[in-house]
Amino acid sequence: MKAIREARGISLRQLAKDIGRDVGFLSRVEDDKQGAGDETLRRYAAYLRVPIRAITHKETSRDQERPGSPHREHPH
């Protein structure tokens, strides 16, 4: 989460303000010291314009099979 936010040049303070969450709370979430609910994750991902799986690191088998994925098996 933090790496994507920082790569986009967005401060934690600005993100917290824009998605209506406490900066301390988001800091703990980014540092894996506290969990976040679905609504917070949706707002965070939407603000960064990424799928939720990009910030939660959860992939399904379907995600791994999408075209261009390094996990996709190529037919011979």
N, C-alpha and C. Protein backbone atom coordinates (compact mmCIF):
# COMPACT_ATOMS: atom_id res chain seq x y z
N MET A 1 0.82 -1.19 0.00
CA MET A 1 0.00 0.00 0.00
C MET A 1 0.87 1.26 0.00
N LYS A 2 1.75 1.30 0.96
CA LYS A 2 2.58 2.49 1.14
C LYS A 2 3.45 2.74 -0.10
N ALA A 3 4.01 1.68 -0.66
CA ALA A 3 4.90 1.84 -1.82
C ALA A 3 4.15 2.44 -3.00
N ILE A 4 2.92 2.00 -3.22
CA ILE A 4 2.14 2.55 -4.34
C ILE A 4 1.82 4.01 -4.08
N ARG A 5 1.39 4.32 -2.86
CA ARG A 5 1.05 5.70 -2.52
C ARG A 5 2.26 6.61 -2.70
N GLU A 6 3.40 6.18 -2.16
CA GLU A 6 4.61 7.00 -2.26
C GLU A 6 5.08 7.13 -3.70
N ALA A 7 4.97 6.07 -4.48
CA ALA A 7 5.39 6.13 -5.89
C ALA A 7 4.56 7.15 -6.66
N ARG A 8 3.36 7.39 -6.20
CA ARG A 8 2.49 8.37 -6.86
C ARG A 8 2.64 9.77 -6.29
N GLY A 9 3.53 9.90 -5.30
CA GLY A 9 3.78 11.22 -4.73
C GLY A 9 2.66 11.76 -3.87
N ILE A 10 1.90 10.85 -3.26
CA ILE A 10 0.77 11.26 -2.43
C ILE A 10 1.16 11.11 -0.97
N SER A 11 0.99 12.17 -0.20
CA SER A 11 1.33 12.10 1.22
C SER A 11 0.23 11.35 1.96
N LEU A 12 0.61 10.74 3.05
CA LEU A 12 -0.36 10.03 3.88
C LEU A 12 -1.41 11.00 4.41
N ARG A 13 -0.97 12.18 4.78
CA ARG A 13 -1.89 13.20 5.29
C ARG A 13 -2.94 13.57 4.23
N GLN A 14 -2.51 13.75 2.99
CA GLN A 14 -3.44 14.11 1.92
C GLN A 14 -4.41 12.97 1.64
N LEU A 15 -3.89 11.74 1.57
CA LEU A 15 -4.74 10.58 1.34
C LEU A 15 -5.81 10.47 2.43
N ALA A 16 -5.38 10.57 3.68
CA ALA A 16 -6.31 10.46 4.80
C ALA A 16 -7.41 11.51 4.71
N LYS A 17 -7.02 12.72 4.42
CA LYS A 17 -8.00 13.81 4.29
C LYS A 17 -8.99 13.52 3.16
N ASP A 18 -8.48 13.11 2.02
CA ASP A 18 -9.33 12.92 0.84
C ASP A 18 -10.25 11.71 0.92
N ILE A 19 -9.86 10.68 1.68
CA ILE A 19 -10.75 9.51 1.79
C ILE A 19 -11.50 9.48 3.12
N GLY A 20 -11.31 10.52 3.94
CA GLY A 20 -12.07 10.64 5.17
C GLY A 20 -11.66 9.67 6.26
N ARG A 21 -10.37 9.44 6.37
CA ARG A 21 -9.86 8.56 7.41
C ARG A 21 -8.79 9.28 8.21
N ASP A 22 -8.54 8.80 9.42
CA ASP A 22 -7.54 9.37 10.30
C ASP A 22 -6.14 9.00 9.81
N VAL A 23 -5.23 9.97 9.80
CA VAL A 23 -3.87 9.73 9.32
C VAL A 23 -3.15 8.67 10.16
N GLY A 24 -3.35 8.69 11.47
CA GLY A 24 -2.73 7.70 12.35
C GLY A 24 -3.23 6.30 12.05
N PHE A 25 -4.53 6.18 11.80
CA PHE A 25 -5.13 4.90 11.45
C PHE A 25 -4.51 4.37 10.16
N LEU A 26 -4.46 5.20 9.12
CA LEU A 26 -3.89 4.75 7.85
C LEU A 26 -2.42 4.40 7.98
N SER A 27 -1.70 5.11 8.82
CA SER A 27 -0.29 4.79 9.05
C SER A 27 -0.16 3.40 9.64
N ARG A 28 -0.99 3.07 10.61
CA ARG A 28 -0.95 1.74 11.22
C ARG A 28 -1.34 0.66 10.22
N VAL A 29 -2.31 0.96 9.37
CA VAL A 29 -2.72 0.00 8.34
C VAL A 29 -1.57 -0.26 7.38
N GLU A 30 -0.93 0.81 6.91
CA GLU A 30 0.20 0.65 5.98
C GLU A 30 1.36 -0.11 6.60
N ASP A 31 1.54 0.02 7.89
CA ASP A 31 2.64 -0.66 8.59
C ASP A 31 2.23 -2.05 9.09
N ASP A 32 1.06 -2.53 8.66
CA ASP A 32 0.53 -3.84 9.08
C ASP A 32 0.39 -3.98 10.58
N LYS A 33 0.11 -2.88 11.25
CA LYS A 33 -0.11 -2.91 12.70
C LYS A 33 -1.59 -2.92 13.03
N GLN A 34 -2.42 -2.70 12.02
CA GLN A 34 -3.87 -2.68 12.20
C GLN A 34 -4.52 -3.05 10.88
N GLY A 35 -5.63 -3.74 10.97
CA GLY A 35 -6.37 -4.11 9.77
C GLY A 35 -7.29 -2.99 9.35
N ALA A 36 -7.74 -3.05 8.13
CA ALA A 36 -8.67 -2.06 7.60
C ALA A 36 -9.91 -2.78 7.08
N GLY A 37 -11.05 -2.15 7.22
CA GLY A 37 -12.30 -2.71 6.71
C GLY A 37 -12.41 -2.58 5.21
N ASP A 38 -13.39 -3.26 4.67
CA ASP A 38 -13.60 -3.25 3.22
C ASP A 38 -13.81 -1.85 2.66
N GLU A 39 -14.58 -1.02 3.36
CA GLU A 39 -14.85 0.33 2.86
C GLU A 39 -13.57 1.16 2.79
N THR A 40 -12.73 1.07 3.80
CA THR A 40 -11.47 1.81 3.78
C THR A 40 -10.59 1.32 2.64
N LEU A 41 -10.52 0.00 2.46
CA LEU A 41 -9.71 -0.55 1.36
C LEU A 41 -10.26 -0.10 0.00
N ARG A 42 -11.57 -0.08 -0.14
CA ARG A 42 -12.17 0.39 -1.41
C ARG A 42 -11.81 1.85 -1.67
N ARG A 43 -11.93 2.67 -0.64
CA ARG A 43 -11.62 4.11 -0.81
C ARG A 43 -10.13 4.31 -1.13
N TYR A 44 -9.28 3.59 -0.43
CA TYR A 44 -7.83 3.69 -0.64
C TYR A 44 -7.49 3.30 -2.07
N ALA A 45 -8.00 2.15 -2.51
CA ALA A 45 -7.71 1.66 -3.86
C ALA A 45 -8.28 2.59 -4.92
N ALA A 46 -9.51 3.05 -4.72
CA ALA A 46 -10.13 3.95 -5.69
C ALA A 46 -9.34 5.25 -5.82
N TYR A 47 -8.88 5.77 -4.69
CA TYR A 47 -8.11 7.02 -4.71
C TYR A 47 -6.82 6.85 -5.51
N LEU A 48 -6.18 5.69 -5.34
CA LEU A 48 -4.93 5.43 -6.06
C LEU A 48 -5.17 4.88 -7.47
N ARG A 49 -6.44 4.61 -7.76
CA ARG A 49 -6.84 4.06 -9.07
C ARG A 49 -6.16 2.73 -9.37
N VAL A 50 -6.22 1.85 -8.37
CA VAL A 50 -5.68 0.49 -8.51
C VAL A 50 -6.73 -0.49 -8.01
N PRO A 51 -6.68 -1.74 -8.47
CA PRO A 51 -7.60 -2.74 -7.91
C PRO A 51 -7.24 -3.02 -6.45
N ILE A 52 -8.22 -3.42 -5.68
CA ILE A 52 -7.97 -3.70 -4.26
C ILE A 52 -6.86 -4.72 -4.10
N ARG A 53 -6.79 -5.71 -4.97
CA ARG A 53 -5.74 -6.74 -4.84
C ARG A 53 -4.34 -6.14 -4.93
N ALA A 54 -4.19 -4.97 -5.54
CA ALA A 54 -2.88 -4.33 -5.63
C ALA A 54 -2.41 -3.81 -4.28
N ILE A 55 -3.35 -3.50 -3.40
CA ILE A 55 -2.95 -2.99 -2.08
C ILE A 55 -3.06 -4.04 -0.99
N THR A 56 -3.73 -5.16 -1.28
CA THR A 56 -3.85 -6.22 -0.27
C THR A 56 -2.96 -7.40 -0.60
N HIS A 57 -2.40 -7.42 -1.79
CA HIS A 57 -1.51 -8.49 -2.25
C HIS A 57 -2.21 -9.84 -2.31
N LYS A 58 -3.51 -9.81 -2.50
CA LYS A 58 -4.27 -11.05 -2.62
C LYS A 58 -4.58 -11.26 -4.09
N GLU A 59 -4.14 -12.39 -4.63
CA GLU A 59 -4.42 -12.73 -6.01
C GLU A 59 -5.23 -14.00 -6.05
N THR A 60 -6.16 -14.05 -6.97
CA THR A 60 -6.90 -15.27 -7.19
C THR A 60 -6.26 -16.00 -8.36
N SER A 61 -6.64 -17.24 -8.58
CA SER A 61 -6.08 -17.97 -9.71
C SER A 61 -6.44 -17.27 -11.02
N ARG A 62 -7.60 -16.65 -11.09
CA ARG A 62 -8.00 -15.92 -12.30
C ARG A 62 -7.05 -14.75 -12.56
N ASP A 63 -6.62 -14.03 -11.50
CA ASP A 63 -5.68 -12.91 -11.66
C ASP A 63 -4.37 -13.41 -12.24
N GLN A 64 -3.94 -14.58 -11.83
CA GLN A 64 -2.68 -15.13 -12.30
C GLN A 64 -2.74 -15.57 -13.75
N GLU A 65 -3.94 -15.81 -14.27
CA GLU A 65 -4.09 -16.31 -15.63
C GLU A 65 -4.37 -15.21 -16.65
N ARG A 66 -4.46 -13.97 -16.21
CA ARG A 66 -4.80 -12.91 -17.16
C ARG A 66 -3.66 -12.73 -18.16
N PRO A 67 -3.98 -12.30 -19.38
CA PRO A 67 -2.94 -12.09 -20.39
C PRO A 67 -1.87 -11.12 -19.90
N GLY A 68 -0.64 -11.46 -20.17
CA GLY A 68 0.47 -10.62 -19.77
C GLY A 68 0.98 -10.92 -18.38
N SER A 69 0.30 -11.79 -17.66
CA SER A 69 0.74 -12.15 -16.32
C SER A 69 1.95 -13.07 -16.41
N PRO A 70 2.95 -12.84 -15.58
CA PRO A 70 4.12 -13.73 -15.62
C PRO A 70 3.79 -15.13 -15.13
N HIS A 71 2.61 -15.31 -14.52
CA HIS A 71 2.21 -16.61 -14.01
C HIS A 71 1.46 -17.43 -15.05
N ARG A 72 1.08 -16.81 -16.14
CA ARG A 72 0.26 -17.48 -17.13
C ARG A 72 1.11 -18.49 -17.90
N GLU A 73 0.54 -19.66 -18.07
CA GLU A 73 1.22 -20.69 -18.84
C GLU A 73 0.97 -20.44 -20.32
N HIS A 74 2.01 -20.52 -21.11
CA HIS A 74 1.88 -20.30 -22.54
C HIS A 74 1.76 -21.65 -23.24
N PRO A 75 0.73 -21.81 -24.09
CA PRO A 75 0.60 -23.06 -24.84
C PRO A 75 1.74 -23.23 -25.84
N HIS A 76 2.16 -24.44 -26.06
CA HIS A 76 3.28 -24.70 -26.98
C HIS A 76 2.78 -25.15 -28.31
